[in-house]
N, C-alpha and C. Protein backbone atom coordinates (compact mmCIF):
# COMPACT_ATOMS: atom_id res chain seq x y z
N MET A 1 118.97 -3.00 60.60
CA MET A 1 118.64 -1.98 59.61
C MET A 1 117.24 -2.23 59.06
N LYS A 2 116.45 -1.17 58.99
CA LYS A 2 115.07 -1.31 58.54
C LYS A 2 114.99 -1.60 57.04
N GLN A 3 114.01 -2.42 56.67
CA GLN A 3 113.73 -2.69 55.26
C GLN A 3 113.21 -1.41 54.62
N ARG A 4 113.79 -1.05 53.47
CA ARG A 4 113.37 0.16 52.76
C ARG A 4 112.17 -0.18 51.89
N LEU A 5 111.12 0.60 52.03
CA LEU A 5 109.87 0.35 51.30
C LEU A 5 109.39 1.66 50.70
N ILE A 6 109.28 1.70 49.38
CA ILE A 6 108.78 2.90 48.72
C ILE A 6 107.31 2.70 48.39
N VAL A 7 106.49 3.61 48.86
CA VAL A 7 105.05 3.55 48.57
C VAL A 7 104.80 4.39 47.31
N ALA A 8 104.16 3.78 46.33
CA ALA A 8 103.94 4.43 45.03
C ALA A 8 102.79 5.42 45.11
N THR A 9 102.99 6.47 45.89
CA THR A 9 101.96 7.51 46.03
C THR A 9 102.60 8.83 46.43
N ARG A 10 101.87 9.89 46.16
CA ARG A 10 102.24 11.22 46.67
C ARG A 10 101.28 11.65 47.78
N ASN A 11 100.37 10.77 48.15
CA ASN A 11 99.36 11.06 49.16
C ASN A 11 99.98 10.94 50.56
N ALA A 12 100.22 12.09 51.19
CA ALA A 12 100.90 12.11 52.49
C ALA A 12 100.09 11.38 53.56
N HIS A 13 98.76 11.51 53.52
CA HIS A 13 97.90 10.83 54.51
C HIS A 13 98.09 9.31 54.42
N LYS A 14 98.12 8.82 53.19
CA LYS A 14 98.25 7.37 52.98
C LYS A 14 99.60 6.88 53.49
N VAL A 15 100.67 7.63 53.19
CA VAL A 15 102.01 7.25 53.63
C VAL A 15 102.11 7.25 55.15
N GLU A 16 101.50 8.24 55.79
CA GLU A 16 101.51 8.30 57.26
C GLU A 16 100.81 7.09 57.86
N GLU A 17 99.68 6.71 57.27
CA GLU A 17 98.93 5.55 57.76
C GLU A 17 99.76 4.27 57.61
N ILE A 18 100.41 4.10 56.45
CA ILE A 18 101.24 2.91 56.21
C ILE A 18 102.45 2.92 57.14
N ARG A 19 103.08 4.08 57.32
CA ARG A 19 104.25 4.19 58.19
C ARG A 19 103.89 3.84 59.63
N ALA A 20 102.70 4.25 60.08
CA ALA A 20 102.26 3.95 61.46
C ALA A 20 102.06 2.46 61.67
N ILE A 21 101.60 1.78 60.62
CA ILE A 21 101.29 0.35 60.75
C ILE A 21 102.52 -0.51 60.49
N LEU A 22 103.35 -0.13 59.50
CA LEU A 22 104.57 -0.90 59.18
C LEU A 22 105.78 -0.18 59.76
N SER A 23 105.77 0.04 61.06
CA SER A 23 106.83 0.83 61.70
C SER A 23 108.19 0.13 61.67
N ALA A 24 108.21 -1.16 61.39
CA ALA A 24 109.48 -1.87 61.30
C ALA A 24 110.20 -1.59 59.98
N CYS A 25 109.53 -0.92 59.04
CA CYS A 25 110.13 -0.57 57.74
C CYS A 25 110.46 0.92 57.69
N GLU A 26 111.42 1.24 56.84
CA GLU A 26 111.66 2.64 56.49
C GLU A 26 110.73 2.95 55.33
N VAL A 27 109.61 3.59 55.61
CA VAL A 27 108.58 3.84 54.60
C VAL A 27 108.80 5.21 53.97
N LEU A 28 108.99 5.22 52.66
CA LEU A 28 109.24 6.44 51.90
C LEU A 28 108.15 6.62 50.85
N ASP A 29 107.95 7.86 50.41
CA ASP A 29 106.97 8.09 49.35
C ASP A 29 107.69 8.22 48.00
N LEU A 30 106.95 8.64 46.99
CA LEU A 30 107.50 8.72 45.63
C LEU A 30 108.66 9.71 45.49
N SER A 31 108.79 10.62 46.43
CA SER A 31 109.90 11.57 46.33
C SER A 31 111.27 10.87 46.45
N ALA A 32 111.26 9.61 46.90
CA ALA A 32 112.50 8.84 47.00
C ALA A 32 112.97 8.31 45.64
N VAL A 33 112.10 8.45 44.64
CA VAL A 33 112.43 7.98 43.29
C VAL A 33 112.70 9.18 42.40
N SER A 34 113.76 9.10 41.63
CA SER A 34 114.12 10.20 40.74
C SER A 34 113.15 10.29 39.56
N ASP A 35 112.46 11.42 39.45
CA ASP A 35 111.56 11.73 38.33
C ASP A 35 110.54 10.61 38.06
N PRO A 36 109.73 10.25 39.06
CA PRO A 36 108.76 9.17 38.84
C PRO A 36 107.66 9.59 37.87
N PRO A 37 107.19 8.68 37.03
CA PRO A 37 106.13 9.02 36.08
C PRO A 37 104.78 9.08 36.78
N GLU A 38 103.84 9.76 36.16
CA GLU A 38 102.45 9.75 36.63
C GLU A 38 101.82 8.52 35.99
N VAL A 39 101.62 7.47 36.76
CA VAL A 39 101.10 6.21 36.23
C VAL A 39 99.59 6.33 36.07
N GLU A 40 99.12 6.17 34.85
CA GLU A 40 97.69 6.29 34.59
C GLU A 40 96.95 5.04 35.07
N GLU A 41 95.92 5.26 35.85
CA GLU A 41 95.13 4.15 36.39
C GLU A 41 94.06 3.76 35.39
N THR A 42 94.46 2.91 34.44
CA THR A 42 93.55 2.51 33.37
C THR A 42 92.84 1.19 33.66
N GLY A 43 93.14 0.57 34.79
CA GLY A 43 92.52 -0.70 35.14
C GLY A 43 91.05 -0.53 35.51
N THR A 44 90.33 -1.63 35.46
CA THR A 44 88.92 -1.62 35.84
C THR A 44 88.69 -2.23 37.22
N THR A 45 89.79 -2.70 37.85
CA THR A 45 89.71 -3.25 39.20
C THR A 45 90.80 -2.62 40.05
N PHE A 46 90.64 -2.70 41.37
CA PHE A 46 91.66 -2.20 42.27
C PHE A 46 92.98 -2.94 42.05
N LEU A 47 92.92 -4.26 41.83
CA LEU A 47 94.13 -5.04 41.63
C LEU A 47 94.87 -4.60 40.37
N GLU A 48 94.16 -4.38 39.29
CA GLU A 48 94.81 -3.94 38.04
C GLU A 48 95.51 -2.60 38.24
N ASN A 49 94.86 -1.65 38.89
CA ASN A 49 95.46 -0.33 39.09
C ASN A 49 96.66 -0.40 40.03
N ALA A 50 96.55 -1.17 41.12
CA ALA A 50 97.67 -1.30 42.05
C ALA A 50 98.86 -1.95 41.36
N THR A 51 98.60 -2.93 40.50
CA THR A 51 99.67 -3.62 39.78
C THR A 51 100.37 -2.67 38.81
N LEU A 52 99.60 -1.87 38.08
CA LEU A 52 100.18 -0.91 37.14
C LEU A 52 101.18 0.00 37.86
N LYS A 53 100.78 0.52 39.03
CA LYS A 53 101.65 1.45 39.77
C LYS A 53 102.88 0.75 40.34
N ALA A 54 102.66 -0.41 40.94
CA ALA A 54 103.79 -1.11 41.57
C ALA A 54 104.85 -1.50 40.55
N VAL A 55 104.42 -2.04 39.44
CA VAL A 55 105.36 -2.49 38.40
C VAL A 55 106.12 -1.30 37.81
N ALA A 56 105.40 -0.23 37.48
CA ALA A 56 106.04 0.93 36.85
C ALA A 56 107.10 1.55 37.77
N ILE A 57 106.76 1.75 39.02
CA ILE A 57 107.70 2.39 39.96
C ILE A 57 108.85 1.46 40.32
N SER A 58 108.57 0.16 40.43
CA SER A 58 109.63 -0.78 40.82
C SER A 58 110.70 -0.92 39.74
N CYS A 59 110.38 -0.52 38.53
CA CYS A 59 111.38 -0.54 37.45
C CYS A 59 112.41 0.59 37.61
N LEU A 60 112.13 1.55 38.49
CA LEU A 60 112.99 2.73 38.64
C LEU A 60 113.86 2.70 39.89
N THR A 61 113.75 1.63 40.69
CA THR A 61 114.48 1.58 41.95
C THR A 61 114.83 0.14 42.30
N ASP A 62 115.84 -0.03 43.13
CA ASP A 62 116.18 -1.36 43.63
C ASP A 62 115.35 -1.72 44.85
N ALA A 63 114.68 -0.72 45.42
CA ALA A 63 113.92 -0.94 46.65
C ALA A 63 112.64 -1.72 46.37
N LEU A 64 112.08 -2.27 47.43
CA LEU A 64 110.78 -2.90 47.38
C LEU A 64 109.74 -1.80 47.23
N VAL A 65 108.76 -2.01 46.35
CA VAL A 65 107.73 -1.00 46.11
C VAL A 65 106.38 -1.56 46.51
N LEU A 66 105.63 -0.74 47.24
CA LEU A 66 104.27 -1.09 47.64
C LEU A 66 103.31 -0.09 47.02
N SER A 67 102.29 -0.59 46.36
CA SER A 67 101.27 0.32 45.83
C SER A 67 99.92 -0.17 46.30
N ASP A 68 98.98 0.75 46.30
CA ASP A 68 97.63 0.31 46.62
C ASP A 68 96.65 1.03 45.74
N ASP A 69 95.51 0.43 45.57
CA ASP A 69 94.38 1.12 45.00
C ASP A 69 93.24 0.80 45.94
N SER A 70 92.53 1.81 46.29
CA SER A 70 91.47 1.61 47.26
C SER A 70 90.34 2.56 46.96
N GLY A 71 89.20 2.25 47.54
CA GLY A 71 88.06 3.12 47.31
C GLY A 71 86.85 2.66 48.08
N LEU A 72 85.79 3.38 47.85
CA LEU A 72 84.53 3.15 48.53
C LEU A 72 83.56 2.47 47.58
N GLU A 73 82.91 1.42 48.06
CA GLU A 73 81.88 0.72 47.28
C GLU A 73 80.56 0.85 48.01
N VAL A 74 79.59 1.49 47.36
CA VAL A 74 78.27 1.69 47.97
C VAL A 74 77.28 0.74 47.29
N ASP A 75 76.66 -0.12 48.09
CA ASP A 75 75.81 -1.18 47.53
C ASP A 75 74.66 -0.65 46.69
N SER A 76 73.96 0.37 47.17
CA SER A 76 72.79 0.85 46.44
C SER A 76 73.17 1.60 45.17
N LEU A 77 74.46 1.89 44.99
CA LEU A 77 74.95 2.54 43.77
C LEU A 77 75.68 1.54 42.87
N GLY A 78 75.42 0.25 43.10
CA GLY A 78 76.05 -0.78 42.27
C GLY A 78 77.55 -0.87 42.43
N GLY A 79 78.05 -0.49 43.62
CA GLY A 79 79.49 -0.55 43.87
C GLY A 79 80.23 0.74 43.57
N GLU A 80 79.52 1.74 43.06
CA GLU A 80 80.18 3.03 42.84
C GLU A 80 80.47 3.70 44.18
N PRO A 81 81.46 4.59 44.23
CA PRO A 81 82.34 5.03 43.15
C PRO A 81 83.47 4.05 42.80
N GLY A 82 83.75 3.06 43.65
CA GLY A 82 84.71 2.01 43.30
C GLY A 82 86.07 2.54 42.90
N VAL A 83 86.58 2.05 41.76
CA VAL A 83 87.93 2.46 41.32
C VAL A 83 87.99 3.95 40.97
N TYR A 84 86.84 4.58 40.85
CA TYR A 84 86.81 6.01 40.51
C TYR A 84 86.62 6.89 41.76
N SER A 85 86.82 6.32 42.95
CA SER A 85 86.55 7.04 44.20
C SER A 85 87.25 8.39 44.28
N SER A 86 88.52 8.45 43.91
CA SER A 86 89.27 9.71 44.07
C SER A 86 88.88 10.74 43.01
N ARG A 87 88.25 10.30 41.93
CA ARG A 87 87.85 11.24 40.88
C ARG A 87 86.35 11.12 40.57
N TYR A 88 85.58 10.80 41.58
CA TYR A 88 84.13 10.60 41.44
C TYR A 88 83.43 11.85 40.91
N ALA A 89 83.88 13.02 41.38
CA ALA A 89 83.27 14.28 40.95
C ALA A 89 83.95 14.84 39.70
N GLY A 90 84.81 14.05 39.06
CA GLY A 90 85.51 14.50 37.86
C GLY A 90 87.00 14.63 38.12
N GLU A 91 87.77 14.79 37.06
CA GLU A 91 89.23 14.87 37.17
C GLU A 91 89.68 16.03 38.04
N ASP A 92 88.89 17.11 38.07
CA ASP A 92 89.26 18.27 38.88
C ASP A 92 88.60 18.25 40.25
N GLY A 93 88.02 17.11 40.59
CA GLY A 93 87.33 16.98 41.88
C GLY A 93 88.29 16.93 43.05
N ASN A 94 87.73 17.04 44.24
CA ASN A 94 88.51 16.92 45.47
C ASN A 94 87.63 16.20 46.49
N ASP A 95 88.15 16.01 47.70
CA ASP A 95 87.41 15.27 48.72
C ASP A 95 86.03 15.87 48.95
N SER A 96 85.99 17.18 49.06
CA SER A 96 84.73 17.86 49.35
C SER A 96 83.71 17.65 48.23
N LEU A 97 84.15 17.82 46.98
CA LEU A 97 83.24 17.63 45.84
C LEU A 97 82.81 16.17 45.69
N ASN A 98 83.73 15.25 45.95
CA ASN A 98 83.39 13.82 45.89
C ASN A 98 82.33 13.48 46.94
N ASN A 99 82.48 14.02 48.15
CA ASN A 99 81.52 13.76 49.22
C ASN A 99 80.16 14.36 48.89
N GLU A 100 80.17 15.57 48.33
CA GLU A 100 78.91 16.21 47.93
C GLU A 100 78.19 15.38 46.88
N LYS A 101 78.94 14.89 45.90
CA LYS A 101 78.31 14.08 44.85
C LYS A 101 77.73 12.79 45.43
N LEU A 102 78.48 12.15 46.34
CA LEU A 102 77.99 10.91 46.94
C LEU A 102 76.68 11.15 47.68
N LEU A 103 76.61 12.22 48.45
CA LEU A 103 75.38 12.52 49.18
C LEU A 103 74.21 12.80 48.22
N ARG A 104 74.50 13.49 47.10
CA ARG A 104 73.44 13.72 46.08
C ARG A 104 72.93 12.41 45.51
N GLU A 105 73.87 11.51 45.18
CA GLU A 105 73.50 10.22 44.58
C GLU A 105 72.67 9.37 45.55
N LEU A 106 72.93 9.53 46.86
CA LEU A 106 72.22 8.73 47.86
C LEU A 106 70.97 9.41 48.40
N SER A 107 70.70 10.62 47.92
CA SER A 107 69.54 11.37 48.41
C SER A 107 68.26 10.55 48.21
N GLY A 108 67.50 10.38 49.29
CA GLY A 108 66.24 9.64 49.22
C GLY A 108 66.39 8.13 49.31
N ARG A 109 67.61 7.63 49.40
CA ARG A 109 67.82 6.17 49.50
C ARG A 109 68.00 5.77 50.96
N ASN A 110 67.29 4.75 51.37
CA ASN A 110 67.42 4.25 52.73
C ASN A 110 68.58 3.26 52.87
N GLU A 111 68.85 2.53 51.79
CA GLU A 111 69.93 1.53 51.78
C GLU A 111 71.26 2.26 51.63
N ARG A 112 72.07 2.27 52.69
CA ARG A 112 73.32 3.04 52.68
C ARG A 112 74.53 2.19 53.07
N THR A 113 74.40 0.86 52.97
CA THR A 113 75.54 0.01 53.31
C THR A 113 76.66 0.22 52.29
N ALA A 114 77.88 0.12 52.80
CA ALA A 114 79.05 0.38 51.95
C ALA A 114 80.26 -0.26 52.59
N ARG A 115 81.35 -0.26 51.84
CA ARG A 115 82.62 -0.74 52.39
C ARG A 115 83.77 0.02 51.73
N PHE A 116 84.82 0.19 52.51
CA PHE A 116 86.09 0.62 51.96
C PHE A 116 86.85 -0.64 51.60
N ARG A 117 87.42 -0.68 50.39
CA ARG A 117 88.21 -1.82 49.96
C ARG A 117 89.59 -1.34 49.53
N CYS A 118 90.60 -2.13 49.86
CA CYS A 118 91.98 -1.81 49.51
C CYS A 118 92.67 -3.04 48.95
N VAL A 119 93.37 -2.87 47.85
CA VAL A 119 94.21 -3.93 47.31
C VAL A 119 95.63 -3.38 47.21
N MET A 120 96.59 -4.12 47.75
CA MET A 120 97.99 -3.71 47.73
C MET A 120 98.83 -4.71 46.94
N VAL A 121 99.83 -4.18 46.26
CA VAL A 121 100.74 -5.01 45.48
C VAL A 121 102.17 -4.67 45.86
N LEU A 122 102.97 -5.70 46.11
CA LEU A 122 104.41 -5.55 46.35
C LEU A 122 105.14 -5.96 45.07
N ALA A 123 106.10 -5.15 44.66
CA ALA A 123 106.87 -5.47 43.46
C ALA A 123 108.32 -5.07 43.65
N ARG A 124 109.17 -5.73 42.89
CA ARG A 124 110.59 -5.36 42.84
C ARG A 124 111.07 -5.60 41.41
N SER A 125 111.79 -4.63 40.89
CA SER A 125 112.41 -4.74 39.55
C SER A 125 111.40 -5.15 38.48
N GLY A 126 110.21 -4.59 38.54
CA GLY A 126 109.20 -4.85 37.51
C GLY A 126 108.44 -6.13 37.66
N GLU A 127 108.66 -6.86 38.75
CA GLU A 127 107.98 -8.15 38.98
C GLU A 127 107.07 -8.05 40.20
N VAL A 128 105.83 -8.53 40.03
CA VAL A 128 104.91 -8.59 41.16
C VAL A 128 105.33 -9.74 42.07
N LEU A 129 105.50 -9.44 43.35
CA LEU A 129 105.89 -10.45 44.33
C LEU A 129 104.68 -11.03 45.06
N ALA A 130 103.71 -10.18 45.36
CA ALA A 130 102.52 -10.63 46.10
C ALA A 130 101.47 -9.54 46.06
N HIS A 131 100.22 -9.92 46.33
CA HIS A 131 99.17 -8.92 46.50
C HIS A 131 98.29 -9.29 47.67
N PHE A 132 97.66 -8.27 48.25
CA PHE A 132 96.90 -8.41 49.48
C PHE A 132 95.65 -7.55 49.39
N SER A 133 94.61 -7.93 50.12
CA SER A 133 93.41 -7.10 50.12
C SER A 133 92.81 -7.02 51.51
N GLY A 134 92.04 -5.98 51.72
CA GLY A 134 91.35 -5.78 52.98
C GLY A 134 90.10 -4.96 52.75
N ALA A 135 89.12 -5.12 53.62
CA ALA A 135 87.87 -4.36 53.50
C ALA A 135 87.33 -4.10 54.89
N VAL A 136 86.58 -3.02 55.01
CA VAL A 136 85.86 -2.72 56.25
C VAL A 136 84.44 -2.33 55.87
N GLU A 137 83.48 -3.03 56.47
CA GLU A 137 82.06 -2.79 56.18
C GLU A 137 81.54 -1.63 57.03
N GLY A 138 80.52 -0.97 56.53
CA GLY A 138 79.92 0.12 57.28
C GLY A 138 78.74 0.71 56.53
N ARG A 139 78.48 1.98 56.80
CA ARG A 139 77.37 2.65 56.13
C ARG A 139 77.72 4.12 55.90
N ILE A 140 77.00 4.72 54.96
CA ILE A 140 77.19 6.13 54.63
C ILE A 140 76.22 6.97 55.48
N LEU A 141 76.76 7.94 56.18
CA LEU A 141 75.96 8.81 57.03
C LEU A 141 75.18 9.83 56.19
N GLN A 142 74.22 10.48 56.82
CA GLN A 142 73.39 11.48 56.12
C GLN A 142 74.16 12.78 55.88
N ILE A 143 75.08 13.09 56.78
CA ILE A 143 75.89 14.31 56.65
C ILE A 143 77.33 13.99 57.04
N ALA A 144 78.26 14.79 56.54
CA ALA A 144 79.68 14.63 56.90
C ALA A 144 79.87 15.02 58.36
N ARG A 145 80.68 14.20 59.07
CA ARG A 145 80.93 14.46 60.49
C ARG A 145 82.39 14.21 60.81
N GLY A 146 83.00 15.17 61.53
CA GLY A 146 84.38 14.99 61.98
C GLY A 146 85.38 15.77 61.14
N GLU A 147 86.50 16.06 61.77
CA GLU A 147 87.56 16.85 61.12
C GLU A 147 88.76 16.01 60.71
N GLY A 148 88.85 14.78 61.22
CA GLY A 148 90.03 13.95 60.96
C GLY A 148 89.91 13.21 59.64
N GLY A 149 90.95 12.43 59.35
CA GLY A 149 90.95 11.57 58.17
C GLY A 149 91.00 12.34 56.87
N PHE A 150 90.61 11.66 55.80
CA PHE A 150 90.61 12.26 54.47
C PHE A 150 89.65 11.48 53.59
N GLY A 151 89.44 11.94 52.38
CA GLY A 151 88.55 11.25 51.45
C GLY A 151 87.12 11.19 51.98
N TYR A 152 86.56 9.99 51.98
CA TYR A 152 85.18 9.80 52.40
C TYR A 152 85.05 9.53 53.91
N ASP A 153 86.13 9.66 54.66
CA ASP A 153 86.11 9.36 56.10
C ASP A 153 84.99 10.07 56.86
N PRO A 154 84.67 11.35 56.55
CA PRO A 154 83.61 12.02 57.31
C PRO A 154 82.21 11.45 57.07
N LEU A 155 82.04 10.68 56.00
CA LEU A 155 80.73 10.13 55.66
C LEU A 155 80.59 8.65 56.02
N PHE A 156 81.68 7.99 56.40
CA PHE A 156 81.66 6.54 56.58
C PHE A 156 81.72 6.16 58.05
N ALA A 157 80.69 5.45 58.52
CA ALA A 157 80.69 4.91 59.88
C ALA A 157 80.90 3.40 59.78
N PRO A 158 82.00 2.88 60.35
CA PRO A 158 82.25 1.45 60.27
C PRO A 158 81.25 0.68 61.14
N GLU A 159 81.04 -0.59 60.77
CA GLU A 159 80.12 -1.45 61.52
C GLU A 159 80.45 -1.42 63.01
N GLY A 160 79.40 -1.28 63.82
CA GLY A 160 79.59 -1.28 65.27
C GLY A 160 79.84 0.09 65.86
N TYR A 161 79.90 1.12 65.03
CA TYR A 161 80.17 2.48 65.50
C TYR A 161 79.10 3.44 64.97
N GLU A 162 78.79 4.44 65.77
CA GLU A 162 77.90 5.52 65.33
C GLU A 162 78.70 6.68 64.74
N MET A 163 79.97 6.76 65.13
CA MET A 163 80.81 7.86 64.66
C MET A 163 81.48 7.53 63.32
N SER A 164 81.81 8.58 62.58
CA SER A 164 82.51 8.40 61.30
C SER A 164 83.98 8.13 61.54
N PHE A 165 84.67 7.64 60.50
CA PHE A 165 86.12 7.47 60.58
C PHE A 165 86.79 8.80 60.94
N ALA A 166 86.24 9.91 60.43
CA ALA A 166 86.82 11.22 60.70
C ALA A 166 86.68 11.63 62.16
N GLU A 167 85.70 11.05 62.87
CA GLU A 167 85.50 11.34 64.29
C GLU A 167 86.25 10.36 65.19
N LEU A 168 86.48 9.15 64.72
CA LEU A 168 87.06 8.10 65.56
C LEU A 168 88.54 8.30 65.86
N GLY A 169 89.24 9.01 64.98
CA GLY A 169 90.66 9.26 65.20
C GLY A 169 91.53 8.21 64.54
N GLU A 170 92.78 8.59 64.31
CA GLU A 170 93.72 7.75 63.55
C GLU A 170 93.97 6.40 64.21
N GLU A 171 94.11 6.39 65.54
CA GLU A 171 94.47 5.14 66.21
C GLU A 171 93.39 4.07 66.01
N ILE A 172 92.14 4.45 66.20
CA ILE A 172 91.04 3.49 66.02
C ILE A 172 90.90 3.13 64.55
N LYS A 173 90.94 4.13 63.69
CA LYS A 173 90.81 3.89 62.25
C LYS A 173 91.92 2.96 61.75
N ASN A 174 93.17 3.25 62.14
CA ASN A 174 94.29 2.43 61.67
C ASN A 174 94.18 0.99 62.14
N GLY A 175 93.48 0.78 63.25
CA GLY A 175 93.33 -0.58 63.76
C GLY A 175 92.31 -1.41 63.01
N MET A 176 91.44 -0.76 62.22
CA MET A 176 90.38 -1.51 61.56
C MET A 176 90.18 -1.17 60.08
N SER A 177 90.93 -0.21 59.57
CA SER A 177 90.68 0.24 58.20
C SER A 177 91.00 -0.83 57.16
N HIS A 178 90.43 -0.64 55.98
CA HIS A 178 90.69 -1.52 54.85
C HIS A 178 92.18 -1.59 54.55
N ARG A 179 92.86 -0.45 54.69
CA ARG A 179 94.30 -0.41 54.42
C ARG A 179 95.06 -1.18 55.49
N SER A 180 94.65 -1.02 56.76
CA SER A 180 95.34 -1.74 57.83
C SER A 180 95.15 -3.25 57.67
N ARG A 181 93.98 -3.66 57.20
CA ARG A 181 93.73 -5.09 57.02
C ARG A 181 94.56 -5.66 55.88
N ALA A 182 94.74 -4.89 54.81
CA ALA A 182 95.62 -5.33 53.73
C ALA A 182 97.07 -5.34 54.22
N LEU A 183 97.43 -4.35 55.04
CA LEU A 183 98.80 -4.25 55.54
C LEU A 183 99.16 -5.38 56.50
N GLU A 184 98.16 -5.99 57.13
CA GLU A 184 98.45 -7.16 57.97
C GLU A 184 99.10 -8.25 57.11
N GLY A 185 98.58 -8.43 55.89
CA GLY A 185 99.16 -9.41 54.98
C GLY A 185 100.56 -9.00 54.52
N VAL A 186 100.74 -7.70 54.28
CA VAL A 186 102.06 -7.20 53.88
C VAL A 186 103.08 -7.45 54.99
N ALA A 187 102.71 -7.10 56.23
CA ALA A 187 103.62 -7.29 57.37
C ALA A 187 103.98 -8.76 57.54
N GLU A 188 102.99 -9.63 57.38
CA GLU A 188 103.24 -11.06 57.50
C GLU A 188 104.19 -11.53 56.41
N TRP A 189 103.96 -11.07 55.19
CA TRP A 189 104.80 -11.45 54.05
C TRP A 189 106.24 -10.98 54.28
N LEU A 190 106.39 -9.78 54.84
CA LEU A 190 107.72 -9.23 55.11
C LEU A 190 108.37 -9.89 56.32
N GLY A 191 107.61 -10.68 57.07
CA GLY A 191 108.12 -11.33 58.26
C GLY A 191 108.37 -10.37 59.39
N GLN A 192 107.58 -9.28 59.41
CA GLN A 192 107.76 -8.27 60.43
C GLN A 192 106.51 -8.15 61.28
N PRO A 193 106.70 -7.88 62.55
CA PRO A 193 105.51 -7.73 63.41
C PRO A 193 104.75 -6.47 63.03
N ARG A 194 103.43 -6.57 63.09
CA ARG A 194 102.59 -5.41 62.81
C ARG A 194 102.49 -4.56 64.06
N GLU A 195 102.56 -3.25 63.90
CA GLU A 195 102.45 -2.33 65.04
C GLU A 195 101.01 -2.37 65.53
N THR A 196 100.82 -2.68 66.81
CA THR A 196 99.47 -2.80 67.34
C THR A 196 99.15 -1.78 68.42
N ASP A 197 100.15 -1.05 68.92
CA ASP A 197 99.82 -0.08 69.96
C ASP A 197 100.04 1.34 69.51
């Protein structure tokens, strides 16, 4: 019987990525929890925000809860957008507006190195069991490229590639993404093999 794992998110893309990598688990989203609260991300670090979500949701279920906080850190912008990646263009922003703002902020800058960073927290019954992190280095492209992925994927080319995450496809991205690198630690902690093919 598969280990039941509730991911503290409503982001379908994120759940699909986690499900593909942790295929030995029954990966469910927040709809598996009755009337889950909207957990406010008041932390100033990815770890603080991931912990807030994992602890709050794990108090509502007997299942193991996995949460993550992740984002894009651009060196020439002092690490921005960082923990504010999903709301970089404001609370009413979306992927397109966030990408537009990032390109405006980088206009005229030659230094475009960046990384995606992910911190994950496992919790049960309000207690943090473990946390994991992963990062992938790369650079911000001059224009958005590709139809795949989500968030900043069309603007981010990982080290060693000319194409963006949105062009590389899910299989390649899942093999090297910040989330997949954090999930390697999760899979190891769970004692389950990580899906590699």
